[in-house]
Protein backbone atom coordinates (compact mmCIF):
# COMPACT_ATOMS: atom_id res chain seq x y z
CA UNK A 1 -24.29 10.70 45.84
CA UNK A 2 -21.89 7.87 46.41
CA UNK A 3 -21.97 5.19 43.71
CA UNK A 4 -22.26 2.29 46.16
CA UNK A 5 -25.28 3.86 47.85
CA UNK A 6 -26.90 4.78 44.53
CA UNK A 7 -26.55 1.32 43.07
CA UNK A 8 -28.62 -0.32 45.80
CA UNK A 9 -31.54 2.13 45.93
CA UNK A 10 -34.91 1.58 44.30
CA UNK A 11 -36.26 4.13 41.84
CA UNK A 12 -38.78 5.26 44.46
CA UNK A 13 -36.02 5.94 47.01
CA UNK A 14 -33.99 7.80 44.38
CA UNK A 15 -37.04 9.90 43.49
CA UNK A 16 -37.52 10.86 47.15
CA UNK A 17 -33.86 11.80 47.60
CA UNK A 18 -33.84 13.82 44.38
CA UNK A 19 -37.04 15.64 45.39
CA UNK A 20 -35.87 16.41 48.95
CA UNK A 21 -32.31 17.74 48.74
CA UNK A 22 -32.02 18.33 52.49
CA UNK A 23 -32.68 14.65 53.14
CA UNK A 24 -30.38 13.59 50.30
CA UNK A 25 -27.53 15.52 51.92
CA UNK A 26 -28.36 14.14 55.39
CA UNK A 27 -28.43 10.56 54.04
CA UNK A 28 -25.12 11.05 52.21
CA UNK A 29 -23.46 12.43 55.33
CA UNK A 30 -24.77 9.75 57.69
CA UNK A 31 -23.97 6.94 55.24
CA UNK A 32 -20.27 7.63 55.83
CA UNK A 33 -20.58 7.58 59.64
CA UNK A 34 -20.19 4.50 61.86
CA UNK A 35 -22.97 2.77 63.73
CA UNK A 36 -24.02 4.20 67.06
CA UNK A 37 -23.83 1.84 70.03
CA UNK A 38 -26.93 1.31 72.20
CA UNK A 39 -27.56 4.40 74.26
CA UNK A 40 -30.31 6.44 75.80
CA UNK A 41 -30.50 9.62 73.74
CA UNK A 42 -31.74 12.81 75.37
CA UNK A 43 -33.48 13.95 72.19
CA UNK A 44 -35.31 11.69 69.72
CA UNK A 45 -36.99 13.21 66.65
CA UNK A 46 -38.98 11.60 63.83
CA UNK A 47 -39.61 13.40 60.53
CA UNK A 48 -41.29 12.82 57.21
CA UNK A 49 -41.77 15.08 54.20
CA UNK A 50 -44.16 17.33 56.14
CA UNK A 51 -41.66 17.97 58.95
CA UNK A 52 -41.44 16.93 62.57
CA UNK A 53 -43.89 14.18 63.53
CA UNK A 54 -42.68 13.28 67.01
CA UNK A 55 -40.10 14.43 69.48
CA UNK A 56 -38.98 13.26 72.87
CA UNK A 57 -36.76 15.53 74.91
CA UNK A 58 -35.56 14.31 78.31
CA UNK A 59 -38.62 12.07 78.65
CA UNK A 60 -41.21 14.62 77.50
CA UNK A 61 -43.03 13.56 74.32
CA UNK A 62 -44.67 15.80 71.74
CA UNK A 63 -46.44 14.46 68.69
CA UNK A 64 -47.84 16.37 65.74
CA UNK A 65 -51.34 15.63 64.49
CA UNK A 66 -51.71 14.58 60.87
CA UNK A 67 -54.83 13.66 58.94
CA UNK A 68 -55.91 10.04 58.62
CA UNK A 69 -55.14 10.29 54.90
CA UNK A 70 -51.56 11.39 55.55
CA UNK A 71 -48.97 9.15 53.89
CA UNK A 72 -45.31 9.42 54.83
CA UNK A 73 -43.09 9.12 51.77
CA UNK A 74 -40.16 8.48 54.10
CA UNK A 75 -39.32 8.31 57.78
CA UNK A 76 -36.20 9.85 59.29
CA UNK A 77 -35.13 9.40 62.89
CA UNK A 78 -32.57 11.50 64.74
CA UNK A 79 -30.91 10.76 68.08
CA UNK A 80 -29.30 13.78 69.72
CA UNK A 81 -29.06 15.60 66.39
CA UNK A 82 -27.65 12.69 64.35
CA UNK A 83 -29.54 10.91 61.59
CA UNK A 84 -29.66 7.28 62.69
CA UNK A 85 -32.46 5.83 60.55
CA UNK A 86 -33.96 6.71 57.15
CA UNK A 87 -36.42 4.60 55.17
CA UNK A 88 -38.55 5.06 52.08
CA UNK A 89 -41.57 2.79 52.48
CA UNK A 90 -40.01 -0.52 53.56
CA UNK A 91 -36.58 0.24 52.08
CA UNK A 92 -34.09 1.01 54.82
CA UNK A 93 -31.40 3.37 53.54
CA UNK A 94 -29.71 4.45 56.77
CA UNK A 95 -29.54 2.18 59.81
CA UNK A 96 -26.82 3.28 62.22
CA UNK A 97 -28.12 1.70 65.43
CA UNK A 98 -26.84 -1.56 66.82
CA UNK A 99 -29.54 -3.77 68.35
CA UNK A 100 -32.30 -1.63 66.84
CA UNK A 101 -35.38 -3.34 65.44
CA UNK A 102 -36.43 -2.35 61.97
CA UNK A 103 -40.17 -2.03 61.73
CA UNK A 104 -42.38 -2.17 58.69
CA UNK A 105 -43.81 1.15 57.67
CA UNK A 106 -47.51 0.88 57.00
CA UNK A 107 -48.75 2.97 54.13
């Protein structure tokens, strides 16, 4: 992982990225990409460690049921197949959207 990115991550974020190699690679790749201007994506997907939580495709929304005890270790958001947001608890690691509000993850 890039030194600049590594140096600013908490130990919890590092633990998550070490444990989930797919997400580590996705974060590394998106960290090098520019911000995405405001747009209206056709496909929006939200993931955590258990997989897809929510998707919206051309206005149709599908959400996945999880137990009330479910705790997301991280949240990843894709727009049209590109990782645009990744956070571990309240630590934002990837934020590629201009004019996008960062929200606090409750956990």
